[in-house]
């Protein structure tokens, strides 16, 4: 009977190298699968629209003056469409931000928290880039740091990466403009 446990004449060192190669390949596949899953989940979340009951109470006082604009998120526009569109009202961006902040806080998984946090920061970036408005209490320095990290995310959609790049640059510009009266702040001081 032939020996099925044969090493085909390979010594321990060569067998170890083969195992290492196999482990590296499996590790790369797992990382790629993880990034693919994150990208797909982000796309899925961005394809959803704002639930009516979440945002409508914020919109009712102004609903008659700009009906079409205010109802835009309830017409089936996706989060992505609203976040990328420069015409989206800042109040709607703030509603999306608040909605995803709650989602991040209550998500049952770390991945769900990460996806919700990205959409949260995307709403902040959109308001900053498209309207020169900061819809958060985070300082420009803190936002710059966050946008800098987010734009490095490998699996991020190109539209969002572009928005984070623009928001990162906008934070530099706005921080200097805000400090301008007291003296110019250098980029090193921005952190």
N, C-alpha and C. Protein backbone atom coordinates (compact mmCIF):
# COMPACT_ATOMS: atom_id res chain seq x y z
N UNK A 1 0.83 -1.16 0.00
CA UNK A 1 0.00 0.00 0.00
C UNK A 1 0.89 1.25 0.00
N UNK A 2 0.60 2.23 -0.91
CA UNK A 2 1.45 3.41 -0.99
C UNK A 2 1.24 4.33 0.22
N UNK A 3 2.28 5.06 0.57
CA UNK A 3 2.24 6.00 1.68
C UNK A 3 1.58 7.30 1.21
N UNK A 4 0.35 7.60 1.73
CA UNK A 4 -0.39 8.79 1.32
C UNK A 4 0.07 10.06 2.02
N UNK A 5 0.91 9.92 3.03
CA UNK A 5 1.37 11.09 3.75
C UNK A 5 2.71 11.58 3.22
N UNK A 6 3.04 11.18 2.03
CA UNK A 6 4.33 11.52 1.44
C UNK A 6 4.50 13.02 1.31
N UNK A 7 5.71 13.46 1.50
CA UNK A 7 6.04 14.88 1.34
C UNK A 7 6.65 15.12 -0.02
N UNK A 8 6.58 14.11 -0.86
CA UNK A 8 7.11 14.19 -2.22
C UNK A 8 8.58 14.62 -2.24
N UNK A 9 9.28 14.20 -1.20
CA UNK A 9 10.71 14.46 -1.14
C UNK A 9 11.07 15.85 -0.65
N UNK A 10 10.09 16.61 -0.19
CA UNK A 10 10.38 17.97 0.30
C UNK A 10 10.80 17.92 1.76
N UNK A 11 11.81 18.71 2.09
CA UNK A 11 12.22 18.77 3.48
C UNK A 11 11.31 19.72 4.25
N UNK A 12 11.54 19.80 5.57
CA UNK A 12 10.68 20.62 6.43
C UNK A 12 10.70 22.10 6.03
N UNK A 13 11.85 22.59 5.66
CA UNK A 13 11.97 24.00 5.28
C UNK A 13 11.11 24.31 4.05
N UNK A 14 11.19 23.47 3.05
CA UNK A 14 10.40 23.69 1.83
C UNK A 14 8.91 23.53 2.11
N UNK A 15 8.54 22.56 2.94
CA UNK A 15 7.14 22.39 3.31
C UNK A 15 6.63 23.63 4.07
N UNK A 16 7.46 24.17 4.95
CA UNK A 16 7.09 25.38 5.69
C UNK A 16 6.84 26.55 4.75
N UNK A 17 7.70 26.68 3.72
CA UNK A 17 7.53 27.76 2.75
C UNK A 17 6.22 27.60 1.98
N UNK A 18 5.91 26.35 1.61
CA UNK A 18 4.64 26.10 0.91
C UNK A 18 3.44 26.46 1.78
N UNK A 19 3.49 26.07 3.05
CA UNK A 19 2.40 26.40 3.96
C UNK A 19 2.26 27.91 4.10
N UNK A 20 3.39 28.59 4.19
CA UNK A 20 3.38 30.05 4.32
C UNK A 20 2.73 30.70 3.09
N UNK A 21 3.08 30.23 1.91
CA UNK A 21 2.49 30.75 0.68
C UNK A 21 0.98 30.56 0.70
N UNK A 22 0.55 29.37 1.09
CA UNK A 22 -0.88 29.08 1.17
C UNK A 22 -1.59 29.97 2.16
N UNK A 23 -0.96 30.20 3.33
CA UNK A 23 -1.56 31.08 4.34
C UNK A 23 -1.67 32.51 3.83
N UNK A 24 -0.62 32.98 3.14
CA UNK A 24 -0.63 34.34 2.60
C UNK A 24 -1.75 34.52 1.57
N UNK A 25 -1.93 33.52 0.73
CA UNK A 25 -2.98 33.58 -0.29
C UNK A 25 -4.35 33.63 0.38
N UNK A 26 -4.57 32.78 1.39
CA UNK A 26 -5.84 32.78 2.10
C UNK A 26 -6.08 34.10 2.82
N UNK A 27 -5.02 34.65 3.42
CA UNK A 27 -5.14 35.94 4.12
C UNK A 27 -5.52 37.04 3.14
N UNK A 28 -4.86 37.08 1.97
CA UNK A 28 -5.18 38.09 0.95
C UNK A 28 -6.62 37.95 0.48
N UNK A 29 -7.07 36.70 0.28
CA UNK A 29 -8.45 36.48 -0.16
C UNK A 29 -9.44 36.95 0.90
N UNK A 30 -9.14 36.69 2.18
CA UNK A 30 -10.03 37.12 3.25
C UNK A 30 -10.09 38.65 3.31
N UNK A 31 -8.93 39.32 3.19
CA UNK A 31 -8.91 40.78 3.21
C UNK A 31 -9.69 41.35 2.03
N UNK A 32 -9.50 40.77 0.85
CA UNK A 32 -10.22 41.22 -0.34
C UNK A 32 -11.71 40.99 -0.16
N UNK A 33 -12.08 39.82 0.37
CA UNK A 33 -13.49 39.53 0.61
C UNK A 33 -14.08 40.52 1.61
N UNK A 34 -13.33 40.85 2.65
CA UNK A 34 -13.80 41.79 3.66
C UNK A 34 -14.01 43.17 3.05
N UNK A 35 -13.08 43.62 2.24
CA UNK A 35 -13.21 44.92 1.59
C UNK A 35 -14.37 44.93 0.61
N UNK A 36 -14.56 43.84 -0.10
CA UNK A 36 -15.67 43.73 -1.04
C UNK A 36 -17.00 43.77 -0.29
N UNK A 37 -17.06 43.07 0.82
CA UNK A 37 -18.28 43.06 1.62
C UNK A 37 -18.59 44.46 2.15
N UNK A 38 -17.57 45.15 2.63
CA UNK A 38 -17.76 46.52 3.13
C UNK A 38 -18.25 47.44 2.02
N UNK A 39 -17.62 47.35 0.85
CA UNK A 39 -18.01 48.21 -0.27
C UNK A 39 -19.46 47.91 -0.69
N UNK A 40 -19.82 46.64 -0.74
CA UNK A 40 -21.19 46.27 -1.13
C UNK A 40 -22.21 46.73 -0.10
N UNK A 41 -21.86 46.60 1.18
CA UNK A 41 -22.78 47.06 2.22
C UNK A 41 -22.94 48.58 2.19
N UNK A 42 -21.84 49.29 1.96
CA UNK A 42 -21.92 50.75 1.84
C UNK A 42 -22.81 51.14 0.66
N UNK A 43 -22.62 50.49 -0.48
CA UNK A 43 -23.46 50.78 -1.65
C UNK A 43 -24.92 50.50 -1.35
N UNK A 44 -25.17 49.42 -0.64
CA UNK A 44 -26.55 49.05 -0.29
C UNK A 44 -27.17 50.11 0.62
N UNK A 45 -26.43 50.56 1.62
CA UNK A 45 -26.94 51.59 2.54
C UNK A 45 -27.16 52.91 1.81
N UNK A 46 -26.25 53.25 0.91
CA UNK A 46 -26.38 54.51 0.17
C UNK A 46 -27.54 54.48 -0.81
N UNK A 47 -27.97 53.30 -1.22
CA UNK A 47 -29.08 53.16 -2.15
C UNK A 47 -30.43 53.36 -1.46
N UNK A 48 -30.44 53.28 -0.13
CA UNK A 48 -31.68 53.47 0.62
C UNK A 48 -32.03 54.94 0.67
N UNK A 49 -33.26 55.22 1.08
CA UNK A 49 -33.70 56.61 1.22
C UNK A 49 -34.13 56.85 2.66
N UNK A 50 -34.26 58.10 2.99
CA UNK A 50 -34.61 58.51 4.34
C UNK A 50 -36.04 58.09 4.65
N UNK A 51 -36.26 57.41 5.77
CA UNK A 51 -37.63 57.05 6.15
C UNK A 51 -38.44 58.31 6.43
N UNK A 52 -39.69 58.31 6.07
CA UNK A 52 -40.54 59.49 6.20
C UNK A 52 -40.63 59.99 7.64
N UNK A 53 -40.80 59.07 8.58
CA UNK A 53 -41.01 59.51 9.95
C UNK A 53 -39.78 60.13 10.60
N UNK A 54 -38.58 59.85 10.10
CA UNK A 54 -37.36 60.38 10.69
C UNK A 54 -37.18 61.86 10.38
N UNK A 55 -37.40 62.26 9.16
CA UNK A 55 -37.07 63.62 8.78
C UNK A 55 -38.23 64.59 8.70
N UNK A 56 -39.43 64.11 8.64
CA UNK A 56 -40.54 65.00 8.33
C UNK A 56 -40.79 66.03 9.43
N UNK A 57 -40.58 65.68 10.68
CA UNK A 57 -40.87 66.67 11.74
C UNK A 57 -39.92 67.86 11.68
N UNK A 58 -38.73 67.69 11.15
CA UNK A 58 -37.79 68.80 10.97
C UNK A 58 -38.21 69.69 9.80
N UNK A 59 -38.91 69.12 8.87
CA UNK A 59 -39.21 69.83 7.62
C UNK A 59 -40.55 70.54 7.62
N UNK A 60 -41.44 70.17 8.50
CA UNK A 60 -42.79 70.73 8.46
C UNK A 60 -42.86 72.25 8.55
N UNK A 61 -42.10 72.93 9.39
CA UNK A 61 -42.26 74.39 9.45
C UNK A 61 -41.97 75.10 8.13
N UNK A 62 -41.10 74.58 7.32
CA UNK A 62 -40.71 75.23 6.07
C UNK A 62 -41.34 74.56 4.84
N UNK A 63 -42.18 73.59 5.04
CA UNK A 63 -42.63 72.75 3.93
C UNK A 63 -43.37 73.53 2.85
N UNK A 64 -44.11 74.57 3.21
CA UNK A 64 -44.90 75.27 2.22
C UNK A 64 -44.07 76.19 1.33
N UNK A 65 -42.97 76.70 1.84
CA UNK A 65 -42.17 77.64 1.05
C UNK A 65 -41.36 76.95 -0.04
N UNK A 66 -40.89 75.77 0.23
CA UNK A 66 -40.07 75.05 -0.75
C UNK A 66 -40.45 73.57 -0.77
N UNK A 67 -41.69 73.32 -1.12
CA UNK A 67 -42.24 71.97 -1.05
C UNK A 67 -41.39 70.95 -1.80
N UNK A 68 -41.07 71.23 -3.01
CA UNK A 68 -40.35 70.24 -3.82
C UNK A 68 -38.98 69.90 -3.23
N UNK A 69 -38.24 70.91 -2.83
CA UNK A 69 -36.90 70.68 -2.28
C UNK A 69 -36.96 69.91 -0.97
N UNK A 70 -37.87 70.28 -0.12
CA UNK A 70 -37.97 69.65 1.19
C UNK A 70 -38.47 68.22 1.12
N UNK A 71 -39.28 67.92 0.12
CA UNK A 71 -39.80 66.56 0.00
C UNK A 71 -38.88 65.65 -0.82
N UNK A 72 -37.83 66.21 -1.35
CA UNK A 72 -36.90 65.45 -2.19
C UNK A 72 -36.44 64.13 -1.57
N UNK A 73 -36.09 64.09 -0.28
CA UNK A 73 -35.63 62.82 0.26
C UNK A 73 -36.72 61.77 0.37
N UNK A 74 -37.96 62.20 0.30
CA UNK A 74 -39.06 61.26 0.44
C UNK A 74 -39.63 60.81 -0.90
N UNK A 75 -39.02 61.26 -1.97
CA UNK A 75 -39.49 60.87 -3.29
C UNK A 75 -38.75 59.64 -3.80
N UNK A 76 -37.94 59.06 -2.93
CA UNK A 76 -37.20 57.88 -3.31
C UNK A 76 -35.76 58.16 -3.67
N UNK A 77 -35.32 59.41 -3.55
CA UNK A 77 -33.91 59.71 -3.80
C UNK A 77 -33.07 58.95 -2.79
N UNK A 78 -32.02 58.36 -3.26
CA UNK A 78 -31.15 57.60 -2.38
C UNK A 78 -30.29 58.53 -1.54
N UNK A 79 -29.74 57.98 -0.46
CA UNK A 79 -28.81 58.76 0.35
C UNK A 79 -27.65 59.25 -0.51
N UNK A 80 -27.15 58.38 -1.38
CA UNK A 80 -26.02 58.77 -2.22
C UNK A 80 -26.38 59.97 -3.10
N UNK A 81 -27.55 59.91 -3.74
CA UNK A 81 -27.98 61.02 -4.60
C UNK A 81 -28.06 62.32 -3.80
N UNK A 82 -28.63 62.24 -2.62
CA UNK A 82 -28.77 63.44 -1.78
C UNK A 82 -27.42 63.95 -1.29
N UNK A 83 -26.52 63.04 -0.96
CA UNK A 83 -25.22 63.43 -0.41
C UNK A 83 -24.29 64.02 -1.47
N UNK A 84 -24.42 63.57 -2.68
CA UNK A 84 -23.54 64.03 -3.76
C UNK A 84 -24.08 65.29 -4.44
N UNK A 85 -25.39 65.47 -4.41
CA UNK A 85 -26.03 66.59 -5.09
C UNK A 85 -25.74 67.91 -4.37
N UNK A 86 -25.12 68.88 -5.05
CA UNK A 86 -24.82 70.17 -4.41
C UNK A 86 -26.07 70.98 -4.09
N UNK A 87 -27.21 70.61 -4.65
CA UNK A 87 -28.45 71.34 -4.41
C UNK A 87 -29.23 70.82 -3.20
N UNK A 88 -28.77 69.74 -2.59
CA UNK A 88 -29.49 69.20 -1.44
C UNK A 88 -29.43 70.20 -0.29
N UNK A 89 -30.58 70.50 0.27
CA UNK A 89 -30.69 71.46 1.36
C UNK A 89 -29.87 71.00 2.57
N UNK A 90 -29.16 71.92 3.22
CA UNK A 90 -28.37 71.56 4.40
C UNK A 90 -29.19 70.93 5.53
N UNK A 91 -30.46 71.31 5.64
CA UNK A 91 -31.33 70.71 6.66
C UNK A 91 -31.51 69.21 6.39
N UNK A 92 -31.61 68.85 5.13
CA UNK A 92 -31.73 67.44 4.77
C UNK A 92 -30.41 66.71 5.07
N UNK A 93 -29.29 67.36 4.78
CA UNK A 93 -27.99 66.75 5.10
C UNK A 93 -27.85 66.55 6.60
N UNK A 94 -28.32 67.50 7.38
CA UNK A 94 -28.25 67.35 8.83
C UNK A 94 -29.17 66.23 9.31
N UNK A 95 -30.31 66.07 8.68
CA UNK A 95 -31.22 64.98 9.01
C UNK A 95 -30.57 63.63 8.70
N UNK A 96 -29.92 63.52 7.55
CA UNK A 96 -29.20 62.29 7.18
C UNK A 96 -28.08 62.03 8.19
N UNK A 97 -27.36 63.08 8.55
CA UNK A 97 -26.27 62.95 9.53
C UNK A 97 -26.82 62.41 10.85
N UNK A 98 -27.89 63.02 11.36
CA UNK A 98 -28.47 62.60 12.64
C UNK A 98 -29.01 61.17 12.57
N UNK A 99 -29.64 60.83 11.45
CA UNK A 99 -30.17 59.48 11.26
C UNK A 99 -29.04 58.45 11.34
N UNK A 100 -27.94 58.72 10.65
CA UNK A 100 -26.84 57.75 10.63
C UNK A 100 -26.01 57.77 11.92
N UNK A 101 -26.05 58.86 12.65
CA UNK A 101 -25.42 58.87 13.97
C UNK A 101 -26.14 57.87 14.87
N UNK A 102 -27.48 57.91 14.84
CA UNK A 102 -28.27 56.95 15.61
C UNK A 102 -28.03 55.53 15.13
N UNK A 103 -27.92 55.36 13.80
CA UNK A 103 -27.65 54.04 13.24
C UNK A 103 -26.30 53.51 13.75
N UNK A 104 -25.29 54.37 13.77
CA UNK A 104 -23.96 53.96 14.22
C UNK A 104 -23.98 53.57 15.70
N UNK A 105 -24.74 54.31 16.49
CA UNK A 105 -24.81 54.04 17.92
C UNK A 105 -25.58 52.76 18.23
N UNK A 106 -26.52 52.39 17.37
CA UNK A 106 -27.36 51.22 17.65
C UNK A 106 -27.06 50.01 16.77
N UNK A 107 -26.11 50.13 15.87
CA UNK A 107 -25.81 49.02 14.97
C UNK A 107 -25.33 47.80 15.77
N UNK A 108 -25.81 46.62 15.42
CA UNK A 108 -25.45 45.43 16.18
C UNK A 108 -24.04 44.92 15.89
N UNK A 109 -23.43 45.40 14.83
CA UNK A 109 -22.10 44.91 14.48
C UNK A 109 -21.13 46.07 14.26
N UNK A 110 -19.86 45.77 14.37
CA UNK A 110 -18.83 46.77 14.12
C UNK A 110 -18.88 47.25 12.66
N UNK A 111 -19.18 46.34 11.75
CA UNK A 111 -19.28 46.70 10.34
C UNK A 111 -20.44 47.66 10.12
N UNK A 112 -21.58 47.40 10.74
CA UNK A 112 -22.73 48.29 10.63
C UNK A 112 -22.42 49.67 11.18
N UNK A 113 -21.68 49.72 12.28
CA UNK A 113 -21.27 51.00 12.87
C UNK A 113 -20.34 51.75 11.92
N UNK A 114 -19.42 51.03 11.30
CA UNK A 114 -18.46 51.65 10.39
C UNK A 114 -19.16 52.24 9.16
N UNK A 115 -20.09 51.50 8.60
CA UNK A 115 -20.82 51.98 7.42
C UNK A 115 -21.66 53.21 7.78
N UNK A 116 -22.37 53.15 8.89
CA UNK A 116 -23.19 54.29 9.31
C UNK A 116 -22.32 55.51 9.59
N UNK A 117 -21.16 55.30 10.19
CA UNK A 117 -20.25 56.41 10.48
C UNK A 117 -19.74 57.06 9.19
N UNK A 118 -19.49 56.26 8.17
CA UNK A 118 -19.04 56.81 6.89
C UNK A 118 -20.13 57.69 6.28
N UNK A 119 -21.37 57.24 6.34
CA UNK A 119 -22.46 58.04 5.78
C UNK A 119 -22.66 59.30 6.65
N UNK A 120 -22.52 59.17 7.95
CA UNK A 120 -22.58 60.31 8.86
C UNK A 120 -21.57 61.38 8.44
N UNK A 121 -20.31 60.97 8.26
CA UNK A 121 -19.27 61.91 7.87
C UNK A 121 -19.46 62.41 6.43
N UNK A 122 -20.07 61.60 5.59
CA UNK A 122 -20.35 62.05 4.22
C UNK A 122 -21.34 63.21 4.24
N UNK A 123 -22.35 63.14 5.10
CA UNK A 123 -23.32 64.24 5.21
C UNK A 123 -22.62 65.52 5.69
N UNK A 124 -21.72 65.38 6.64
CA UNK A 124 -20.97 66.54 7.14
C UNK A 124 -20.11 67.11 6.02
N UNK A 125 -19.44 66.22 5.28
CA UNK A 125 -18.58 66.66 4.17
C UNK A 125 -19.39 67.36 3.09
N UNK A 126 -20.56 66.83 2.78
CA UNK A 126 -21.41 67.42 1.75
C UNK A 126 -21.84 68.83 2.13
N UNK A 127 -22.26 69.03 3.37
CA UNK A 127 -22.67 70.36 3.82
C UNK A 127 -21.49 71.33 3.76
N UNK A 128 -20.33 70.85 4.13
CA UNK A 128 -19.14 71.69 4.13
C UNK A 128 -18.72 72.06 2.71
N UNK A 129 -18.68 71.09 1.83
CA UNK A 129 -18.22 71.32 0.46
C UNK A 129 -19.25 72.11 -0.37
N UNK A 130 -20.50 71.74 -0.27
CA UNK A 130 -21.52 72.34 -1.14
C UNK A 130 -22.14 73.62 -0.59
N UNK A 131 -22.05 73.82 0.74
CA UNK A 131 -22.75 74.97 1.33
C UNK A 131 -21.87 75.80 2.27
N UNK A 132 -20.62 75.40 2.46
CA UNK A 132 -19.72 76.07 3.41
C UNK A 132 -20.34 76.14 4.81
N UNK A 133 -21.02 75.07 5.19
CA UNK A 133 -21.68 75.01 6.49
C UNK A 133 -21.14 73.82 7.26
N UNK A 134 -20.86 74.05 8.54
CA UNK A 134 -20.43 72.95 9.42
C UNK A 134 -21.65 72.53 10.23
N UNK A 135 -22.15 71.31 9.98
CA UNK A 135 -23.36 70.81 10.65
C UNK A 135 -23.00 69.88 11.80
N UNK A 136 -21.89 70.16 12.45
CA UNK A 136 -21.41 69.36 13.56
C UNK A 136 -20.67 70.27 14.53
N UNK A 137 -20.46 69.78 15.74
CA UNK A 137 -19.69 70.54 16.72
C UNK A 137 -18.20 70.24 16.61
N UNK A 138 -17.83 69.27 15.77
CA UNK A 138 -16.41 68.98 15.59
C UNK A 138 -15.72 70.21 15.01
N UNK A 139 -14.51 70.46 15.46
CA UNK A 139 -13.73 71.58 14.93
C UNK A 139 -13.25 71.23 13.52
N UNK A 140 -12.79 72.25 12.80
CA UNK A 140 -12.23 72.00 11.47
C UNK A 140 -10.99 71.11 11.57
N UNK A 141 -10.24 71.27 12.63
CA UNK A 141 -9.05 70.43 12.85
C UNK A 141 -9.47 68.96 12.99
N UNK A 142 -10.51 68.70 13.80
CA UNK A 142 -10.99 67.33 13.99
C UNK A 142 -11.57 66.77 12.69
N UNK A 143 -12.33 67.60 12.00
CA UNK A 143 -12.92 67.16 10.73
C UNK A 143 -11.83 66.87 9.70
N UNK A 144 -10.84 67.72 9.64
CA UNK A 144 -9.73 67.52 8.70
C UNK A 144 -9.07 66.16 8.95
N UNK A 145 -8.83 65.86 10.23
CA UNK A 145 -8.22 64.58 10.59
C UNK A 145 -9.13 63.41 10.16
N UNK A 146 -10.42 63.52 10.45
CA UNK A 146 -11.36 62.45 10.09
C UNK A 146 -11.47 62.27 8.58
N UNK A 147 -11.61 63.38 7.86
CA UNK A 147 -11.71 63.31 6.40
C UNK A 147 -10.42 62.74 5.81
N UNK A 148 -9.29 63.10 6.41
CA UNK A 148 -8.00 62.57 5.95
C UNK A 148 -7.93 61.06 6.08
N UNK A 149 -8.44 60.54 7.19
CA UNK A 149 -8.47 59.09 7.40
C UNK A 149 -9.47 58.42 6.46
N UNK A 150 -10.65 59.01 6.34
CA UNK A 150 -11.70 58.41 5.52
C UNK A 150 -11.31 58.34 4.04
N UNK A 151 -10.64 59.34 3.55
CA UNK A 151 -10.28 59.34 2.13
C UNK A 151 -9.23 58.27 1.81
N UNK A 152 -8.60 57.72 2.84
CA UNK A 152 -7.62 56.65 2.66
C UNK A 152 -8.28 55.26 2.62
N UNK A 153 -9.56 55.19 2.92
CA UNK A 153 -10.28 53.91 2.96
C UNK A 153 -10.24 53.26 1.58
N UNK A 154 -9.66 52.08 1.51
CA UNK A 154 -9.42 51.40 0.23
C UNK A 154 -10.71 51.11 -0.52
N UNK A 155 -11.74 50.68 0.17
CA UNK A 155 -12.96 50.21 -0.47
C UNK A 155 -14.01 51.30 -0.65
N UNK A 156 -13.65 52.55 -0.40
CA UNK A 156 -14.59 53.67 -0.52
C UNK A 156 -14.97 53.93 -1.97
N UNK A 157 -16.22 54.29 -2.19
CA UNK A 157 -16.68 54.62 -3.53
C UNK A 157 -15.97 55.89 -4.03
N UNK A 158 -15.65 55.98 -5.30
CA UNK A 158 -14.92 57.15 -5.83
C UNK A 158 -15.62 58.49 -5.56
N UNK A 159 -16.95 58.53 -5.66
CA UNK A 159 -17.68 59.76 -5.39
C UNK A 159 -17.47 60.24 -3.95
N UNK A 160 -17.47 59.29 -3.02
CA UNK A 160 -17.29 59.64 -1.62
C UNK A 160 -15.84 60.04 -1.34
N UNK A 161 -14.91 59.34 -1.96
CA UNK A 161 -13.49 59.68 -1.79
C UNK A 161 -13.25 61.12 -2.28
N UNK A 162 -13.84 61.46 -3.42
CA UNK A 162 -13.71 62.81 -3.95
C UNK A 162 -14.31 63.83 -2.98
N UNK A 163 -15.47 63.52 -2.43
CA UNK A 163 -16.11 64.42 -1.48
C UNK A 163 -15.25 64.59 -0.23
N UNK A 164 -14.67 63.50 0.28
CA UNK A 164 -13.80 63.60 1.46
C UNK A 164 -12.53 64.37 1.14
N UNK A 165 -11.98 64.21 -0.05
CA UNK A 165 -10.81 65.00 -0.45
C UNK A 165 -11.15 66.49 -0.47
N UNK A 166 -12.29 66.82 -1.06
CA UNK A 166 -12.71 68.22 -1.14
C UNK A 166 -13.00 68.79 0.25
N UNK A 167 -13.61 67.99 1.10
CA UNK A 167 -13.90 68.44 2.47
C UNK A 167 -12.61 68.63 3.26
N UNK A 168 -11.65 67.75 3.06
CA UNK A 168 -10.34 67.86 3.72
C UNK A 168 -9.71 69.21 3.35
N UNK A 169 -9.72 69.52 2.07
CA UNK A 169 -9.15 70.79 1.61
C UNK A 169 -9.97 71.99 2.10
N UNK A 170 -11.27 71.83 2.16
CA UNK A 170 -12.15 72.89 2.64
C UNK A 170 -11.88 73.20 4.12
N UNK A 171 -11.58 72.17 4.91
CA UNK A 171 -11.27 72.38 6.32
C UNK A 171 -10.02 73.24 6.47
N UNK A 172 -9.01 72.99 5.63
CA UNK A 172 -7.81 73.83 5.65
C UNK A 172 -8.18 75.28 5.37
N UNK A 173 -8.96 75.48 4.32
CA UNK A 173 -9.33 76.83 3.90
C UNK A 173 -10.16 77.54 4.97
N UNK A 174 -11.16 76.87 5.50
CA UNK A 174 -12.05 77.49 6.48
C UNK A 174 -11.36 77.73 7.82
N UNK A 175 -10.48 76.83 8.22
CA UNK A 175 -9.75 77.03 9.47
C UNK A 175 -8.89 78.28 9.39
N UNK A 176 -8.22 78.47 8.28
CA UNK A 176 -7.37 79.65 8.10
C UNK A 176 -8.23 80.91 8.02
N UNK A 177 -9.37 80.85 7.32
CA UNK A 177 -10.24 82.00 7.22
C UNK A 177 -10.82 82.39 8.57
N UNK A 178 -11.18 81.41 9.38
CA UNK A 178 -11.78 81.67 10.69
C UNK A 178 -10.76 82.26 11.66
N UNK A 179 -9.52 81.83 11.55
CA UNK A 179 -8.49 82.31 12.45
C UNK A 179 -7.88 83.60 11.91
N UNK A 180 -8.11 83.92 10.65
CA UNK A 180 -7.47 85.04 9.97
C UNK A 180 -7.43 86.34 10.76
N UNK A 181 -8.49 86.69 11.46
CA UNK A 181 -8.53 87.95 12.19
C UNK A 181 -7.52 87.97 13.34
N UNK A 182 -7.25 86.82 13.92
CA UNK A 182 -6.32 86.75 15.05
C UNK A 182 -4.91 86.45 14.60
N UNK A 183 -4.71 86.28 13.33
CA UNK A 183 -3.39 85.91 12.80
C UNK A 183 -3.53 84.63 12.01
N UNK A 184 -2.63 84.43 11.08
CA UNK A 184 -2.73 83.25 10.22
C UNK A 184 -2.23 82.02 10.95
N UNK A 185 -2.98 80.95 10.85
CA UNK A 185 -2.63 79.67 11.45
C UNK A 185 -1.96 78.82 10.39
N UNK A 186 -0.82 78.25 10.69
CA UNK A 186 -0.11 77.43 9.71
C UNK A 186 -0.70 76.03 9.69
N UNK A 187 -0.40 75.28 8.64
CA UNK A 187 -0.89 73.91 8.53
C UNK A 187 -0.31 73.02 9.62
N UNK A 188 0.91 73.28 10.06
CA UNK A 188 1.48 72.50 11.15
C UNK A 188 0.66 72.65 12.42
N UNK A 189 0.14 73.83 12.68
CA UNK A 189 -0.68 74.05 13.85
C UNK A 189 -2.06 73.41 13.71
N UNK A 190 -2.50 73.20 12.47
CA UNK A 190 -3.79 72.53 12.25
C UNK A 190 -3.75 71.07 12.64
N UNK A 191 -2.58 70.52 12.72
CA UNK A 191 -2.48 69.11 13.12
C UNK A 191 -2.34 68.30 11.93
